[in-house]
Amino acid sequence: MKRITFTFARRVLPLFAILVVVGCSGSAATEDADDVGATAFQPAASAVDVPPSGLASGTAERPAGVTDMMVQEGAQIYSGAGVCAACHGPDGAGAIGPDLTDAEWLVGDGEYEQLVDQILKGVSADEATNELGAIMPPKGGAAITNAQVSAVAAYVWTLSH
């Protein structure tokens, strides 16, 4: 018996999963803010909220403008309204999307400004290099502001530095 492979399903199922997660995310974010420094979200600071990444370790000098508060906010958005964890895993080690905790970057070299740009514009089917051909829509398909994108990029930067 000849086995029939359906490569279309390998490409459609991950996209469908992303759309379902994004569709279920609701409208937790506020209206889009063009000012990257402004944010409507003020996280409560506690030891529990500190991400296990480079936030406390100080292994690399942070990019200019990246603060502890930004990284903490980014961690909360990553796991919540940003729906990043749906594809990149709750700890950033990868799932449908690539691992964000290692030094290997599929687009760019992991610099903060590049991360902000990549999250803002997403990853097209032409740029996708994973086996599934999974894409990332702009802002991960989430209704987050530009300031929240900057916070997520700050958190993602700490995962690998």
Protein backbone atom coordinates (compact mmCIF):
# COMPACT_ATOMS: atom_id res chain seq x y z
CA MET A 1 0.00 0.00 0.00
CA LYS A 2 1.36 3.39 -0.99
CA ARG A 3 1.43 6.02 1.75
CA ILE A 4 0.07 9.39 0.73
CA THR A 5 1.70 12.39 2.36
CA PHE A 6 -0.25 15.60 2.71
CA THR A 7 2.33 18.38 3.08
CA PHE A 8 -0.38 21.01 2.94
CA ALA A 9 -1.59 19.82 6.37
CA ARG A 10 1.91 20.23 7.79
CA ARG A 11 1.75 23.89 6.82
CA VAL A 12 -1.90 24.65 7.57
CA LEU A 13 -2.21 23.04 11.02
CA PRO A 14 0.41 25.29 12.72
CA LEU A 15 -1.20 28.37 11.17
CA PHE A 16 -4.62 27.19 12.31
CA ALA A 17 -3.26 26.65 15.84
CA ILE A 18 -1.87 30.20 15.88
CA LEU A 19 -5.16 31.65 14.65
CA VAL A 20 -7.12 29.75 17.31
CA VAL A 21 -4.82 30.99 20.08
CA VAL A 22 -4.93 34.57 18.78
CA GLY A 23 -8.69 34.41 18.35
CA CYS A 24 -9.07 33.28 21.95
CA SER A 25 -6.75 35.95 23.33
CA GLY A 26 -9.51 38.54 23.59
CA SER A 27 -8.92 42.25 23.70
CA ALA A 28 -6.77 42.58 26.79
CA ALA A 29 -4.50 45.20 25.25
CA THR A 30 -5.25 48.87 25.01
CA GLU A 31 -5.25 50.94 21.84
CA ASP A 32 -1.98 51.09 19.92
CA ALA A 33 0.47 53.70 21.13
CA ASP A 34 3.08 55.06 18.76
CA ASP A 35 5.21 56.28 21.65
CA VAL A 36 7.47 53.32 22.48
CA GLY A 37 8.20 54.65 25.97
CA ALA A 38 4.54 54.99 26.98
CA THR A 39 2.66 52.09 28.51
CA ALA A 40 -0.76 51.62 30.04
CA PHE A 41 0.32 48.55 31.96
CA GLN A 42 2.07 48.88 35.31
CA PRO A 43 3.03 45.47 36.74
CA ALA A 44 3.23 44.92 40.46
CA ALA A 45 6.83 44.31 41.48
CA SER A 46 7.44 41.21 43.54
CA ALA A 47 10.04 38.47 43.77
CA VAL A 48 7.59 36.05 42.15
CA ASP A 49 7.29 38.22 39.03
CA VAL A 50 11.05 38.30 38.37
CA PRO A 51 11.75 36.20 35.27
CA PRO A 52 14.42 33.49 35.55
CA SER A 53 16.31 35.05 32.65
CA GLY A 54 19.20 37.50 32.70
CA LEU A 55 17.12 40.02 34.70
CA ALA A 56 18.92 39.42 37.98
CA SER A 57 22.05 37.68 36.73
CA GLY A 58 23.56 40.67 34.91
CA THR A 59 25.57 38.40 32.57
CA ALA A 60 25.40 40.94 29.73
CA GLU A 61 25.09 44.69 29.63
CA ARG A 62 21.54 45.59 28.72
CA PRO A 63 20.73 47.72 25.70
CA ALA A 64 20.15 51.41 26.34
CA GLY A 65 16.66 52.11 27.67
CA VAL A 66 15.92 48.55 28.81
CA THR A 67 14.92 48.58 32.48
CA ASP A 68 14.00 45.92 35.04
CA MET A 69 10.41 47.13 34.91
CA MET A 70 10.34 46.73 31.12
CA VAL A 71 11.67 43.18 31.36
CA GLN A 72 9.12 42.27 34.06
CA GLU A 73 6.28 43.75 31.99
CA GLY A 74 7.60 41.92 28.91
CA ALA A 75 7.59 38.60 30.79
CA GLN A 76 3.95 39.11 31.77
CA ILE A 77 2.93 40.10 28.23
CA TYR A 78 4.92 37.16 26.78
CA SER A 79 2.91 34.73 28.92
CA GLY A 80 -0.40 36.59 28.64
CA ALA A 81 -1.81 39.10 26.17
CA GLY A 82 1.12 38.73 23.75
CA VAL A 83 0.38 35.00 23.29
CA CYS A 84 4.12 34.45 22.63
CA ALA A 85 4.21 31.39 24.90
CA ALA A 86 1.71 29.61 22.65
CA CYS A 87 4.38 29.16 19.97
CA HIS A 88 7.70 29.75 21.73
CA GLY A 89 6.82 27.82 24.90
CA PRO A 90 6.25 29.15 28.42
CA ASP A 91 9.99 29.31 29.09
CA GLY A 92 10.99 30.44 25.57
CA ALA A 93 12.66 27.11 24.75
CA GLY A 94 10.53 26.66 21.63
CA ALA A 95 7.49 24.70 20.48
CA ILE A 96 5.98 25.58 17.09
CA GLY A 97 8.17 28.67 17.10
CA PRO A 98 11.96 28.59 17.58
CA ASP A 99 13.93 28.50 20.82
CA LEU A 100 14.51 32.02 22.15
CA THR A 101 16.88 30.98 24.92
CA ASP A 102 19.92 29.94 22.89
CA ALA A 103 22.45 31.97 20.93
CA GLU A 104 21.13 30.82 17.51
CA TRP A 105 18.90 33.38 15.78
CA LEU A 106 17.04 32.56 12.57
CA VAL A 107 16.56 36.23 11.66
CA GLY A 108 19.18 38.78 12.70
CA ASP A 109 21.60 38.26 15.56
CA GLY A 110 19.36 38.77 18.59
CA GLU A 111 20.06 42.45 19.16
CA TYR A 112 17.31 44.33 20.99
CA GLU A 113 16.46 46.70 18.10
CA GLN A 114 16.23 43.73 15.72
CA LEU A 115 13.91 41.90 18.12
CA VAL A 116 11.59 44.92 18.32
CA ASP A 117 11.53 45.15 14.51
CA GLN A 118 10.98 41.39 14.09
CA ILE A 119 8.07 41.32 16.54
CA LEU A 120 6.50 44.39 14.90
CA LYS A 121 6.67 43.00 11.36
CA GLY A 122 6.45 39.25 12.08
CA VAL A 123 7.92 36.40 10.03
CA SER A 124 6.52 35.77 6.56
CA ALA A 125 6.20 32.37 4.89
CA ASP A 126 9.22 33.29 2.74
CA GLU A 127 11.33 33.97 5.85
CA ALA A 128 10.11 30.93 7.84
CA THR A 129 12.91 28.41 8.24
CA ASN A 130 11.29 25.86 10.53
CA GLU A 131 10.20 22.41 9.33
CA LEU A 132 6.52 23.28 9.60
CA GLY A 133 6.84 26.52 7.66
CA ALA A 134 5.10 28.28 10.54
CA ILE A 135 4.84 32.05 10.22
CA MET A 136 4.58 34.73 12.88
CA PRO A 137 2.06 37.48 12.14
CA PRO A 138 2.96 41.07 13.04
CA LYS A 139 3.00 41.48 16.84
CA GLY A 140 2.51 37.71 17.03
CA GLY A 141 -1.09 38.29 16.00
CA ALA A 142 -1.84 39.85 19.39
CA ALA A 143 -3.50 43.20 20.04
CA ILE A 144 -0.54 44.71 21.88
CA THR A 145 0.83 48.24 21.69
CA ASN A 146 4.23 49.26 20.36
CA ALA A 147 5.33 49.94 23.95
CA GLN A 148 4.31 46.40 24.89
CA VAL A 149 6.26 45.08 21.88
CA SER A 150 9.33 46.88 23.23
CA ALA A 151 8.80 45.30 26.64
CA VAL A 152 8.44 41.80 25.13
CA ALA A 153 11.62 42.37 23.09
CA ALA A 154 13.43 43.41 26.28
CA TYR A 155 12.30 40.19 27.99
CA VAL A 156 13.21 38.01 24.99
CA TRP A 157 16.62 39.68 24.85
CA THR A 158 17.28 38.65 28.46
CA LEU A 159 16.41 35.02 27.68
CA SER A 160 19.52 34.58 25.56
CA HIS A 161 21.98 37.09 27.04
